[in-house]
Amino acid sequence: MPRRYETVYIFDSALEDSAVNEKLEKFHALLTKDGKGSITNVAHWGKRTLAYAIKTKDTGYYVVAQFEAAAELLPEYERVVKLDEAVLRFLVVVSEGLPAKPEAAPAVIAAEVDEIEEEEA
């Protein structure tokens, strides 16, 4: 039974967009082989400054991919990603869905906050 996962890749920022897409296709082909998985979403976040230098690089190209795959596909996928020298860091986590949207405050509470602010002024 496939589970939902999410991967964050940090690629070397010196790579061209076409090279990043080519590597993503190679990685994702491992997850979708034999129809045991599917890619649901890929978001390119672009170049960002790293919090600390990784392999003497100060910037990285971020990509977040969401997919569904059988658990037996993950070890080979992680091995291939780990061996790719253009990938500075990556992290695979089990995705438990989208976070819940915060609900709007009820009108009664908002009215009380306005009254308190008026009293303080």
PDB file of N, CA and C in Angstrom:
ATOM      1  N   MET A   1       0.848  -1.184   0.000  1.00  0.00           N
ATOM      2  CA  MET A   1       0.000   0.000   0.000  1.00  0.00           C
ATOM      3  C   MET A   1       0.888   1.240   0.000  1.00  0.00           C
ATOM      4  N   PRO A   2       0.708   2.127  -0.957  1.00  0.00           N
ATOM      5  CA  PRO A   2       1.558   3.315  -1.017  1.00  0.00           C
ATOM      6  C   PRO A   2       1.230   4.329   0.081  1.00  0.00           C
ATOM      7  N   ARG A   3       2.285   4.997   0.543  1.00  0.00           N
ATOM      8  CA  ARG A   3       2.132   6.062   1.534  1.00  0.00           C
ATOM      9  C   ARG A   3       2.504   7.378   0.879  1.00  0.00           C
ATOM     10  N   ARG A   4       2.064   8.461   1.501  1.00  0.00           N
ATOM     11  CA  ARG A   4       2.386   9.790   0.985  1.00  0.00           C
ATOM     12  C   ARG A   4       3.680  10.275   1.635  1.00  0.00           C
ATOM     13  N   TYR A   5       4.578  10.781   0.813  1.00  0.00           N
ATOM     14  CA  TYR A   5       5.860  11.285   1.281  1.00  0.00           C
ATOM     15  C   TYR A   5       6.098  12.682   0.721  1.00  0.00           C
ATOM     16  N   GLU A   6       7.068  13.352   1.315  1.00  0.00           N
ATOM     17  CA  GLU A   6       7.492  14.661   0.828  1.00  0.00           C
ATOM     18  C   GLU A   6       9.012  14.711   0.912  1.00  0.00           C
ATOM     19  N   THR A   7       9.647  15.196  -0.144  1.00  0.00           N
ATOM     20  CA  THR A   7      11.096  15.321  -0.184  1.00  0.00           C
ATOM     21  C   THR A   7      11.459  16.769  -0.441  1.00  0.00           C
ATOM     22  N   VAL A   8      12.435  17.257   0.311  1.00  0.00           N
ATOM     23  CA  VAL A   8      13.010  18.571   0.056  1.00  0.00           C
ATOM     24  C   VAL A   8      14.432  18.331  -0.438  1.00  0.00           C
ATOM     25  N   TYR A   9      14.728  18.838  -1.619  1.00  0.00           N
ATOM     26  CA  TYR A   9      16.073  18.741  -2.182  1.00  0.00           C
ATOM     27  C   TYR A   9      16.723  20.115  -2.106  1.00  0.00           C
ATOM     28  N   ILE A  10      18.017  20.149  -1.835  1.00  0.00           N
ATOM     29  CA  ILE A  10      18.809  21.367  -1.995  1.00  0.00           C
ATOM     30  C   ILE A  10      19.895  21.021  -3.000  1.00  0.00           C
ATOM     31  N   PHE A  11      19.750  21.567  -4.202  1.00  0.00           N
ATOM     32  CA  PHE A  11      20.723  21.343  -5.268  1.00  0.00           C
ATOM     33  C   PHE A  11      21.777  22.439  -5.252  1.00  0.00           C
ATOM     34  N   ASP A  12      22.902  22.157  -5.879  1.00  0.00           N
ATOM     35  CA  ASP A  12      23.946  23.168  -6.071  1.00  0.00           C
ATOM     36  C   ASP A  12      23.356  24.295  -6.913  1.00  0.00           C
ATOM     37  N   SER A  13      23.509  25.527  -6.466  1.00  0.00           N
ATOM     38  CA  SER A  13      22.894  26.658  -7.168  1.00  0.00           C
ATOM     39  C   SER A  13      23.560  26.952  -8.510  1.00  0.00           C
ATOM     40  N   ALA A  14      24.700  26.343  -8.784  1.00  0.00           N
ATOM     41  CA  ALA A  14      25.374  26.556 -10.068  1.00  0.00           C
ATOM     42  C   ALA A  14      24.697  25.782 -11.199  1.00  0.00           C
ATOM     43  N   LEU A  15      23.825  24.839 -10.877  1.00  0.00           N
ATOM     44  CA  LEU A  15      23.134  24.061 -11.901  1.00  0.00           C
ATOM     45  C   LEU A  15      22.106  24.911 -12.647  1.00  0.00           C
ATOM     46  N   GLU A  16      21.961  24.646 -13.919  1.00  0.00           N
ATOM     47  CA  GLU A  16      20.922  25.273 -14.729  1.00  0.00           C
ATOM     48  C   GLU A  16      19.588  24.607 -14.411  1.00  0.00           C
ATOM     49  N   ASP A  17      18.501  25.314 -14.719  1.00  0.00           N
ATOM     50  CA  ASP A  17      17.162  24.763 -14.472  1.00  0.00           C
ATOM     51  C   ASP A  17      16.948  23.454 -15.222  1.00  0.00           C
ATOM     52  N   SER A  18      17.480  23.365 -16.439  1.00  0.00           N
ATOM     53  CA  SER A  18      17.297  22.138 -17.221  1.00  0.00           C
ATOM     54  C   SER A  18      18.017  20.962 -16.563  1.00  0.00           C
ATOM     55  N   ALA A  19      19.178  21.199 -15.963  1.00  0.00           N
ATOM     56  CA  ALA A  19      19.913  20.130 -15.286  1.00  0.00           C
ATOM     57  C   ALA A  19      19.172  19.681 -14.034  1.00  0.00           C
ATOM     58  N   VAL A  20      18.581  20.630 -13.303  1.00  0.00           N
ATOM     59  CA  VAL A  20      17.806  20.293 -12.110  1.00  0.00           C
ATOM     60  C   VAL A  20      16.605  19.440 -12.511  1.00  0.00           C
ATOM     61  N   ASN A  21      15.897  19.849 -13.555  1.00  0.00           N
ATOM     62  CA  ASN A  21      14.726  19.088 -14.019  1.00  0.00           C
ATOM     63  C   ASN A  21      15.121  17.687 -14.484  1.00  0.00           C
ATOM     64  N   GLU A  22      16.274  17.576 -15.139  1.00  0.00           N
ATOM     65  CA  GLU A  22      16.751  16.279 -15.608  1.00  0.00           C
ATOM     66  C   GLU A  22      17.032  15.349 -14.418  1.00  0.00           C
ATOM     67  N   LYS A  23      17.654  15.878 -13.385  1.00  0.00           N
ATOM     68  CA  LYS A  23      17.940  15.075 -12.192  1.00  0.00           C
ATOM     69  C   LYS A  23      16.642  14.675 -11.484  1.00  0.00           C
ATOM     70  N   LEU A  24      15.692  15.603 -11.404  1.00  0.00           N
ATOM     71  CA  LEU A  24      14.410  15.282 -10.780  1.00  0.00           C
ATOM     72  C   LEU A  24      13.695  14.171 -11.533  1.00  0.00           C
ATOM     73  N   GLU A  25      13.735  14.213 -12.855  1.00  0.00           N
ATOM     74  CA  GLU A  25      13.103  13.164 -13.656  1.00  0.00           C
ATOM     75  C   GLU A  25      13.740  11.811 -13.368  1.00  0.00           C
ATOM     76  N   LYS A  26      15.070  11.798 -13.227  1.00  0.00           N
ATOM     77  CA  LYS A  26      15.784  10.551 -12.936  1.00  0.00           C
ATOM     78  C   LYS A  26      15.381  10.020 -11.560  1.00  0.00           C
ATOM     79  N   PHE A  27      15.346  10.896 -10.557  1.00  0.00           N
ATOM     80  CA  PHE A  27      14.961  10.474  -9.205  1.00  0.00           C
ATOM     81  C   PHE A  27      13.518   9.985  -9.164  1.00  0.00           C
ATOM     82  N   HIS A  28      12.641  10.737  -9.802  1.00  0.00           N
ATOM     83  CA  HIS A  28      11.218  10.410  -9.743  1.00  0.00           C
ATOM     84  C   HIS A  28      10.874   9.172 -10.568  1.00  0.00           C
ATOM     85  N   ALA A  29      11.702   8.856 -11.555  1.00  0.00           N
ATOM     86  CA  ALA A  29      11.487   7.627 -12.321  1.00  0.00           C
ATOM     87  C   ALA A  29      11.649   6.405 -11.423  1.00  0.00           C
ATOM     88  N   LEU A  30      12.534   6.493 -10.432  1.00  0.00           N
ATOM     89  CA  LEU A  30      12.711   5.385  -9.494  1.00  0.00           C
ATOM     90  C   LEU A  30      11.465   5.173  -8.636  1.00  0.00           C
ATOM     91  N   LEU A  31      10.772   6.253  -8.339  1.00  0.00           N
ATOM     92  CA  LEU A  31       9.583   6.167  -7.486  1.00  0.00           C
ATOM     93  C   LEU A  31       8.345   5.700  -8.243  1.00  0.00           C
ATOM     94  N   THR A  32       8.321   5.942  -9.540  1.00  0.00           N
ATOM     95  CA  THR A  32       7.124   5.614 -10.321  1.00  0.00           C
ATOM     96  C   THR A  32       7.287   4.341 -11.145  1.00  0.00           C
ATOM     97  N   LYS A  33       8.425   3.655 -11.022  1.00  0.00           N
ATOM     98  CA  LYS A  33       8.626   2.460 -11.848  1.00  0.00           C
ATOM     99  C   LYS A  33       7.647   1.361 -11.455  1.00  0.00           C
ATOM    100  N   ASP A  34       7.251   0.597 -12.423  1.00  0.00           N
ATOM    101  CA  ASP A  34       6.307  -0.513 -12.248  1.00  0.00           C
ATOM    102  C   ASP A  34       4.955  -0.059 -11.708  1.00  0.00           C
ATOM    103  N   GLY A  35       4.642   1.220 -11.825  1.00  0.00           N
ATOM    104  CA  GLY A  35       3.347   1.722 -11.377  1.00  0.00           C
ATOM    105  C   GLY A  35       3.143   1.657  -9.873  1.00  0.00           C
ATOM    106  N   LYS A  36       4.226   1.569  -9.090  1.00  0.00           N
ATOM    107  CA  LYS A  36       4.111   1.457  -7.636  1.00  0.00           C
ATOM    108  C   LYS A  36       4.082   2.814  -6.944  1.00  0.00           C
ATOM    109  N   GLY A  37       4.163   3.897  -7.703  1.00  0.00           N
ATOM    110  CA  GLY A  37       4.151   5.212  -7.083  1.00  0.00           C
ATOM    111  C   GLY A  37       3.740   6.278  -8.081  1.00  0.00           C
ATOM    112  N   SER A  38       3.502   7.477  -7.554  1.00  0.00           N
ATOM    113  CA  SER A  38       3.140   8.590  -8.422  1.00  0.00           C
ATOM    114  C   SER A  38       3.605   9.898  -7.776  1.00  0.00           C
ATOM    115  N   ILE A  39       3.986  10.828  -8.615  1.00  0.00           N
ATOM    116  CA  ILE A  39       4.400  12.155  -8.156  1.00  0.00           C
ATOM    117  C   ILE A  39       3.144  13.020  -8.156  1.00  0.00           C
ATOM    118  N   THR A  40       2.828  13.639  -7.023  1.00  0.00           N
ATOM    119  CA  THR A  40       1.608  14.429  -6.934  1.00  0.00           C
ATOM    120  C   THR A  40       1.854  15.918  -7.097  1.00  0.00           C
ATOM    121  N   ASN A  41       3.039  16.409  -6.669  1.00  0.00           N
ATOM    122  CA  ASN A  41       3.304  17.842  -6.761  1.00  0.00           C
ATOM    123  C   ASN A  41       4.807  18.082  -6.691  1.00  0.00           C
ATOM    124  N   VAL A  42       5.291  19.005  -7.513  1.00  0.00           N
ATOM    125  CA  VAL A  42       6.697  19.428  -7.467  1.00  0.00           C
ATOM    126  C   VAL A  42       6.708  20.943  -7.471  1.00  0.00           C
ATOM    127  N   ALA A  43       7.317  21.523  -6.449  1.00  0.00           N
ATOM    128  CA  ALA A  43       7.383  22.985  -6.328  1.00  0.00           C
ATOM    129  C   ALA A  43       8.838  23.427  -6.325  1.00  0.00           C
ATOM    130  N   HIS A  44       9.178  24.264  -7.296  1.00  0.00           N
ATOM    131  CA  HIS A  44      10.530  24.826  -7.362  1.00  0.00           C
ATOM    132  C   HIS A  44      10.540  26.121  -6.560  1.00  0.00           C
ATOM    133  N   TRP A  45      11.285  26.139  -5.455  1.00  0.00           N
ATOM    134  CA  TRP A  45      11.365  27.337  -4.624  1.00  0.00           C
ATOM    135  C   TRP A  45      12.450  28.275  -5.103  1.00  0.00           C
ATOM    136  N   GLY A  46      13.358  27.788  -5.928  1.00  0.00           N
ATOM    137  CA  GLY A  46      14.406  28.635  -6.494  1.00  0.00           C
ATOM    138  C   GLY A  46      15.623  28.738  -5.590  1.00  0.00           C
ATOM    139  N   LYS A  47      16.485  29.706  -5.941  1.00  0.00           N
ATOM    140  CA  LYS A  47      17.740  29.886  -5.205  1.00  0.00           C
ATOM    141  C   LYS A  47      17.485  30.632  -3.903  1.00  0.00           C
ATOM    142  N   ARG A  48      18.093  30.113  -2.833  1.00  0.00           N
ATOM    143  CA  ARG A  48      17.963  30.720  -1.511  1.00  0.00           C
ATOM    144  C   ARG A  48      19.311  30.657  -0.810  1.00  0.00           C
ATOM    145  N   THR A  49      19.519  31.592   0.086  1.00  0.00           N
ATOM    146  CA  THR A  49      20.735  31.601   0.881  1.00  0.00           C
ATOM    147  C   THR A  49      20.622  30.546   1.977  1.00  0.00           C
ATOM    148  N   LEU A  50      21.674  29.772   2.137  1.00  0.00           N
ATOM    149  CA  LEU A  50      21.687  28.726   3.153  1.00  0.00           C
ATOM    150  C   LEU A  50      21.991  29.331   4.520  1.00  0.00           C
ATOM    151  N   ALA A  51      21.509  28.715   5.568  1.00  0.00           N
ATOM    152  CA  ALA A  51      21.767  29.193   6.930  1.00  0.00           C
ATOM    153  C   ALA A  51      23.249  29.041   7.283  1.00  0.00           C
ATOM    154  N   TYR A  52      23.893  28.036   6.717  1.00  0.00           N
ATOM    155  CA  TYR A  52      25.314  27.828   6.913  1.00  0.00           C
ATOM    156  C   TYR A  52      25.858  27.179   5.646  1.00  0.00           C
ATOM    157  N   ALA A  53      27.158  27.291   5.433  1.00  0.00           N
ATOM    158  CA  ALA A  53      27.771  26.766   4.215  1.00  0.00           C
ATOM    159  C   ALA A  53      27.727  25.235   4.213  1.00  0.00           C
ATOM    160  N   ILE A  54      27.341  24.678   3.076  1.00  0.00           N
ATOM    161  CA  ILE A  54      27.342  23.237   2.866  1.00  0.00           C
ATOM    162  C   ILE A  54      28.256  22.966   1.683  1.00  0.00           C
ATOM    163  N   LYS A  55      29.307  22.184   1.908  1.00  0.00           N
ATOM    164  CA  LYS A  55      30.287  21.883   0.854  1.00  0.00           C
ATOM    165  C   LYS A  55      30.806  23.180   0.237  1.00  0.00           C
ATOM    166  N   THR A  56      31.087  24.156   1.039  1.00  0.00           N
ATOM    167  CA  THR A  56      31.591  25.497   0.682  1.00  0.00           C
ATOM    168  C   THR A  56      30.621  26.300  -0.195  1.00  0.00           C
ATOM    169  N   LYS A  57      29.363  25.931  -0.212  1.00  0.00           N
ATOM    170  CA  LYS A  57      28.344  26.660  -0.978  1.00  0.00           C
ATOM    171  C   LYS A  57      27.514  27.510  -0.026  1.00  0.00           C
ATOM    172  N   ASP A  58      27.228  28.753  -0.403  1.00  0.00           N
ATOM    173  CA  ASP A  58      26.418  29.643   0.425  1.00  0.00           C
ATOM    174  C   ASP A  58      24.964  29.711  -0.030  1.00  0.00           C
ATOM    175  N   THR A  59      24.684  29.286  -1.268  1.00  0.00           N
ATOM    176  CA  THR A  59      23.324  29.299  -1.780  1.00  0.00           C
ATOM    177  C   THR A  59      22.979  27.920  -2.328  1.00  0.00           C
ATOM    178  N   GLY A  60      21.679  27.635  -2.367  1.00  0.00           N
ATOM    179  CA  GLY A  60      21.215  26.371  -2.900  1.00  0.00           C
ATOM    180  C   GLY A  60      19.909  26.563  -3.641  1.00  0.00           C
ATOM    181  N   TYR A  61      19.602  25.622  -4.531  1.00  0.00           N
ATOM    182  CA  TYR A  61      18.359  25.640  -5.293  1.00  0.00           C
ATOM    183  C   TYR A  61      17.416  24.638  -4.646  1.00  0.00           C
ATOM    184  N   TYR A  62      16.311  25.128  -4.087  1.00  0.00           N
ATOM    185  CA  TYR A  62      15.370  24.294  -3.339  1.00  0.00           C
ATOM    186  C   TYR A  62      14.249  23.775  -4.231  1.00  0.00           C
ATOM    187  N   VAL A  63      13.916  22.504  -4.038  1.00  0.00           N
ATOM    188  CA  VAL A  63      12.771  21.876  -4.704  1.00  0.00           C
ATOM    189  C   VAL A  63      12.057  21.003  -3.675  1.00  0.00           C
ATOM    190  N   VAL A  64      10.735  21.113  -3.627  1.00  0.00           N
ATOM    191  CA  VAL A  64       9.922  20.282  -2.741  1.00  0.00           C
ATOM    192  C   VAL A  64       9.033  19.409  -3.620  1.00  0.00           C
ATOM    193  N   ALA A  65       9.103  18.100  -3.392  1.00  0.00           N
ATOM    194  CA  ALA A  65       8.308  17.154  -4.180  1.00  0.00           C
ATOM    195  C   ALA A  65       7.444  16.316  -3.250  1.00  0.00           C
ATOM    196  N   GLN A  66       6.182  16.159  -3.610  1.00  0.00           N
ATOM    197  CA  GLN A  66       5.265  15.300  -2.874  1.00  0.00           C
ATOM    198  C   GLN A  66       4.928  14.116  -3.768  1.00  0.00           C
ATOM    199  N   PHE A  67       4.918  12.927  -3.166  1.00  0.00           N
ATOM    200  CA  PHE A  67       4.664  11.731  -3.960  1.00  0.00           C
ATOM    201  C   PHE A  67       4.056  10.641  -3.096  1.00  0.00           C
ATOM    202  N   GLU A  68       3.500   9.655  -3.778  1.00  0.00           N
ATOM    203  CA  GLU A  68       2.996   8.444  -3.147  1.00  0.00           C
ATOM    204  C   GLU A  68       3.809   7.293  -3.704  1.00  0.00           C
ATOM    205  N   ALA A  69       4.305   6.428  -2.814  1.00  0.00           N
ATOM    206  CA  ALA A  69       5.135   5.315  -3.274  1.00  0.00           C
ATOM    207  C   ALA A  69       5.075   4.178  -2.271  1.00  0.00           C
ATOM    208  N   ALA A  70       5.398   2.998  -2.767  1.00  0.00           N
ATOM    209  CA  ALA A  70       5.506   1.834  -1.903  1.00  0.00           C
ATOM    210  C   ALA A  70       6.808   1.937  -1.114  1.00  0.00           C
ATOM    211  N   ALA A  71       6.795   1.453   0.102  1.00  0.00           N
ATOM    212  CA  ALA A  71       7.950   1.589   0.992  1.00  0.00           C
ATOM    213  C   ALA A  71       9.197   0.895   0.447  1.00  0.00           C
ATOM    214  N   GLU A  72       9.042  -0.166  -0.310  1.00  0.00           N
ATOM    215  CA  GLU A  72      10.222  -0.890  -0.804  1.00  0.00           C
ATOM    216  C   GLU A  72      11.002  -0.111  -1.865  1.00  0.00           C
ATOM    217  N   LEU A  73      10.429   0.952  -2.427  1.00  0.00           N
ATOM    218  CA  LEU A  73      11.133   1.771  -3.418  1.00  0.00           C
ATOM    219  C   LEU A  73      12.065   2.803  -2.774  1.00  0.00           C
ATOM    220  N   LEU A  74      11.834   3.139  -1.512  1.00  0.00           N
ATOM    221  CA  LEU A  74      12.590   4.215  -0.876  1.00  0.00           C
ATOM    222  C   LEU A  74      14.080   3.956  -0.686  1.00  0.00           C
ATOM    223  N   PRO A  75      14.527   2.778  -0.267  1.00  0.00           N
ATOM    224  CA  PRO A  75      15.973   2.606  -0.065  1.00  0.00           C
ATOM    225  C   PRO A  75      16.803   2.862  -1.322  1.00  0.00           C
ATOM    226  N   GLU A  76      16.375   2.348  -2.460  1.00  0.00           N
ATOM    227  CA  GLU A  76      17.114   2.575  -3.705  1.00  0.00           C
ATOM    228  C   GLU A  76      17.050   4.042  -4.114  1.00  0.00           C
ATOM    229  N   TYR A  77      15.890   4.657  -3.966  1.00  0.00           N
ATOM    230  CA  TYR A  77      15.719   6.081  -4.279  1.00  0.00           C
ATOM    231  C   TYR A  77      16.661   6.932  -3.429  1.00  0.00           C
ATOM    232  N   GLU A  78      16.685   6.695  -2.117  1.00  0.00           N
ATOM    233  CA  GLU A  78      17.550   7.473  -1.232  1.00  0.00           C
ATOM    234  C   GLU A  78      19.024   7.244  -1.547  1.00  0.00           C
ATOM    235  N   ARG A  79      19.395   6.024  -1.916  1.00  0.00           N
ATOM    236  CA  ARG A  79      20.780   5.724  -2.265  1.00  0.00           C
ATOM    237  C   ARG A  79      21.222   6.510  -3.493  1.00  0.00           C
ATOM    238  N   VAL A  80      20.368   6.553  -4.506  1.00  0.00           N
ATOM    239  CA  VAL A  80      20.702   7.268  -5.739  1.00  0.00           C
ATOM    240  C   VAL A  80      20.803   8.771  -5.481  1.00  0.00           C
ATOM    241  N   VAL A  81      19.882   9.321  -4.705  1.00  0.00           N
ATOM    242  CA  VAL A  81      19.919  10.754  -4.399  1.00  0.00           C
ATOM    243  C   VAL A  81      21.165  11.084  -3.586  1.00  0.00           C
ATOM    244  N   LYS A  82      21.499  10.239  -2.624  1.00  0.00           N
ATOM    245  CA  LYS A  82      22.659  10.470  -1.768  1.00  0.00           C
ATOM    246  C   LYS A  82      23.968  10.464  -2.565  1.00  0.00           C
ATOM    247  N   LEU A  83      24.045   9.627  -3.601  1.00  0.00           N
ATOM    248  CA  LEU A  83      25.263   9.520  -4.402  1.00  0.00           C
ATOM    249  C   LEU A  83      25.419  10.645  -5.417  1.00  0.00           C
ATOM    250  N   ASP A  84      24.363  11.386  -5.702  1.00  0.00           N
ATOM    251  CA  ASP A  84      24.430  12.471  -6.677  1.00  0.00           C
ATOM    252  C   ASP A  84      25.157  13.661  -6.059  1.00  0.00           C
ATOM    253  N   GLU A  85      26.259  14.069  -6.672  1.00  0.00           N
ATOM    254  CA  GLU A  85      27.087  15.144  -6.123  1.00  0.00           C
ATOM    255  C   GLU A  85      26.448  16.516  -6.248  1.00  0.00           C
ATOM    256  N   ALA A  86      25.455  16.674  -7.102  1.00  0.00           N
ATOM    257  CA  ALA A  86      24.792  17.973  -7.262  1.00  0.00           C
ATOM    258  C   ALA A  86      23.785  18.240  -6.149  1.00  0.00           C
ATOM    259  N   VAL A  87      23.424  17.207  -5.398  1.00  0.00           N
ATOM    260  CA  VAL A  87      22.479  17.365  -4.292  1.00  0.00           C
ATOM    261  C   VAL A  87      23.281  17.650  -3.027  1.00  0.00           C
ATOM    262  N   LEU A  88      23.101  18.867  -2.493  1.00  0.00           N
ATOM    263  CA  LEU A  88      23.806  19.232  -1.262  1.00  0.00           C
ATOM    264  C   LEU A  88      23.188  18.545  -0.056  1.00  0.00           C
ATOM    265  N   ARG A  89      21.860  18.584   0.032  1.00  0.00           N
ATOM    266  CA  ARG A  89      21.116  17.941   1.116  1.00  0.00           C
ATOM    267  C   ARG A  89      19.747  17.525   0.586  1.00  0.00           C
ATOM    268  N   PHE A  90      19.160  16.518   1.244  1.00  0.00           N
ATOM    269  CA  PHE A  90      17.777  16.142   0.945  1.00  0.00           C
ATOM    270  C   PHE A  90      17.179  15.529   2.195  1.00  0.00           C
ATOM    271  N   LEU A  91      15.868  15.570   2.278  1.00  0.00           N
ATOM    272  CA  LEU A  91      15.160  14.998   3.410  1.00  0.00           C
ATOM    273  C   LEU A  91      13.847  14.420   2.921  1.00  0.00           C
ATOM    274  N   VAL A  92      13.593  13.169   3.286  1.00  0.00           N
ATOM    275  CA  VAL A  92      12.338  12.499   2.946  1.00  0.00           C
ATOM    276  C   VAL A  92      11.558  12.302   4.240  1.00  0.00           C
ATOM    277  N   VAL A  93      10.317  12.753   4.247  1.00  0.00           N
ATOM    278  CA  VAL A  93       9.457  12.579   5.419  1.00  0.00           C
ATOM    279  C   VAL A  93       8.102  12.031   4.972  1.00  0.00           C
ATOM    280  N   VAL A  94       7.440  11.352   5.891  1.00  0.00           N
ATOM    281  CA  VAL A  94       6.079  10.878   5.636  1.00  0.00           C
ATOM    282  C   VAL A  94       5.165  12.083   5.743  1.00  0.00           C
ATOM    283  N   SER A  95       4.356  12.307   4.726  1.00  0.00           N
ATOM    284  CA  SER A  95       3.450  13.452   4.705  1.00  0.00           C
ATOM    285  C   SER A  95       2.107  13.027   5.289  1.00  0.00           C
ATOM    286  N   GLU A  96       1.669  13.768   6.263  1.00  0.00           N
ATOM    287  CA  GLU A  96       0.389  13.453   6.886  1.00  0.00           C
ATOM    288  C   GLU A  96      -0.688  14.405   6.410  1.00  0.00           C
ATOM    289  N   GLY A  97      -0.545  14.943   5.238  1.00  0.00           N
ATOM    290  CA  GLY A  97      -1.548  15.833   4.684  1.00  0.00           C
ATOM    291  C   GLY A  97      -1.201  17.290   4.892  1.00  0.00           C
ATOM    292  N   LEU A  98      -2.058  18.125   4.396  1.00  0.00           N
ATOM    293  CA  LEU A  98      -1.851  19.555   4.535  1.00  0.00           C
ATOM    294  C   LEU A  98      -2.183  19.999   5.955  1.00  0.00           C
ATOM    295  N   PRO A  99      -1.433  20.982   6.474  1.00  0.00           N
ATOM    296  CA  PRO A  99      -1.778  21.472   7.810  1.00  0.00           C
ATOM    297  C   PRO A  99      -3.135  22.153   7.777  1.00  0.00           C
ATOM    298  N   ALA A 100      -3.838  22.079   8.888  1.00  0.00           N
ATOM    299  CA  ALA A 100      -5.170  22.675   8.975  1.00  0.00           C
ATOM    300  C   ALA A 100      -5.069  24.188   8.874  1.00  0.00           C
ATOM    301  N   LYS A 101      -6.019  24.791   8.182  1.00  0.00           N
ATOM    302  CA  LYS A 101      -6.054  26.244   8.067  1.00  0.00           C
ATOM    303  C   LYS A 101      -6.572  26.835   9.368  1.00  0.00           C
ATOM    304  N   PRO A 102      -5.955  27.921   9.841  1.00  0.00           N
ATOM    305  CA  PRO A 102      -6.465  28.530  11.074  1.00  0.00           C
ATOM    306  C   PRO A 102      -7.845  29.110  10.841  1.00  0.00           C
ATOM    307  N   GLU A 103      -8.704  28.926  11.816  1.00  0.00           N
ATOM    308  CA  GLU A 103     -10.068  29.435  11.689  1.00  0.00           C
ATOM    309  C   GLU A 103     -10.119  30.894  12.116  1.00  0.00           C
ATOM    310  N   ALA A 104     -11.026  31.631  11.537  1.00  0.00           N
ATOM    311  CA  ALA A 104     -11.200  33.041  11.900  1.00  0.00           C
ATOM    312  C   ALA A 104     -11.751  33.129  13.318  1.00  0.00           C
ATOM    313  N   ALA A 105     -11.330  34.165  14.024  1.00  0.00           N
ATOM    314  CA  ALA A 105     -11.809  34.359  15.390  1.00  0.00           C
ATOM    315  C   ALA A 105     -13.296  34.671  15.361  1.00  0.00           C
ATOM    316  N   PRO A 106     -14.046  34.149  16.303  1.00  0.00           N
ATOM    317  CA  PRO A 106     -15.477  34.463  16.355  1.00  0.00           C
ATOM    318  C   PRO A 106     -15.686  35.962  16.567  1.00  0.00           C
ATOM    319  N   ALA A 107     -16.796  36.472  16.078  1.00  0.00           N
ATOM    320  CA  ALA A 107     -17.082  37.904  16.159  1.00  0.00           C
ATOM    321  C   ALA A 107     -17.176  38.389  17.600  1.00  0.00           C
ATOM    322  N   VAL A 108     -17.643  37.561  18.507  1.00  0.00           N
ATOM    323  CA  VAL A 108     -17.800  37.956  19.914  1.00  0.00           C
ATOM    324  C   VAL A 108     -16.431  38.255  20.523  1.00  0.00           C
ATOM    325  N   ILE A 109     -15.457  37.400  20.267  1.00  0.00           N
ATOM    326  CA  ILE A 109     -14.126  37.601  20.823  1.00  0.00           C
ATOM    327  C   ILE A 109     -13.492  38.841  20.209  1.00  0.00           C
ATOM    328  N   ALA A 110     -13.674  39.028  18.898  1.00  0.00           N
ATOM    329  CA  ALA A 110     -13.114  40.192  18.238  1.00  0.00           C
ATOM    330  C   ALA A 110     -13.708  41.475  18.812  1.00  0.00           C
ATOM    331  N   ALA A 111     -14.995  41.478  19.132  1.00  0.00           N
ATOM    332  CA  ALA A 111     -15.636  42.665  19.713  1.00  0.00           C
ATOM    333  C   ALA A 111     -15.068  42.949  21.097  1.00  0.00           C
ATOM    334  N   GLU A 112     -14.828  41.915  21.898  1.00  0.00           N
ATOM    335  CA  GLU A 112     -14.251  42.105  23.225  1.00  0.00           C
ATOM    336  C   GLU A 112     -12.843  42.668  23.143  1.00  0.00           C
ATOM    337  N   VAL A 113     -12.062  42.255  22.175  1.00  0.00           N
ATOM    338  CA  VAL A 113     -10.704  42.774  21.998  1.00  0.00           C
ATOM    339  C   VAL A 113     -10.762  44.253  21.652  1.00  0.00           C
ATOM    340  N   ASP A 114     -11.698  44.648  20.803  1.00  0.00           N
ATOM    341  CA  ASP A 114     -11.849  46.055  20.448  1.00  0.00           C
ATOM    342  C   ASP A 114     -12.204  46.882  21.683  1.00  0.00           C
ATOM    343  N   GLU A 115     -13.097  46.363  22.556  1.00  0.00           N
ATOM    344  CA  GLU A 115     -13.487  47.082  23.768  1.00  0.00           C
ATOM    345  C   GLU A 115     -12.299  47.261  24.709  1.00  0.00           C
ATOM    346  N   ILE A 116     -11.481  46.239  24.851  1.00  0.00           N
ATOM    347  CA  ILE A 116     -10.306  46.307  25.715  1.00  0.00           C
ATOM    348  C   ILE A 116      -9.318  47.334  25.186  1.00  0.00           C
ATOM    349  N   GLU A 117      -9.117  47.351  23.872  1.00  0.00           N
ATOM    350  CA  GLU A 117      -8.185  48.313  23.282  1.00  0.00           C
ATOM    351  C   GLU A 117      -8.681  49.757  23.488  1.00  0.00           C
ATOM    352  N   GLU A 118     -10.009  49.961  23.411  1.00  0.00           N
ATOM    353  CA  GLU A 118     -10.553  51.297  23.621  1.00  0.00           C
ATOM    354  C   GLU A 118     -10.379  51.733  25.068  1.00  0.00           C
ATOM    355  N   GLU A 119     -10.543  50.802  26.013  1.00  0.00           N
ATOM    356  CA  GLU A 119     -10.386  51.128  27.423  1.00  0.00           C
ATOM    357  C   GLU A 119      -8.946  51.470  27.760  1.00  0.00           C
ATOM    358  N   GLU A 120      -7.987  50.806  27.104  1.00  0.00           N
ATOM    359  CA  GLU A 120      -6.577  51.080  27.372  1.00  0.00           C
ATOM    360  C   GLU A 120      -6.140  52.413  26.802  1.00  0.00           C
ATOM    361  N   ALA A 121      -6.776  52.898  25.779  1.00  0.00           N
ATOM    362  CA  ALA A 121      -6.384  54.145  25.121  1.00  0.00           C
ATOM    363  C   ALA A 121      -6.813  55.366  25.872  1.00  0.00           C
TER     364      ALA A 121
END
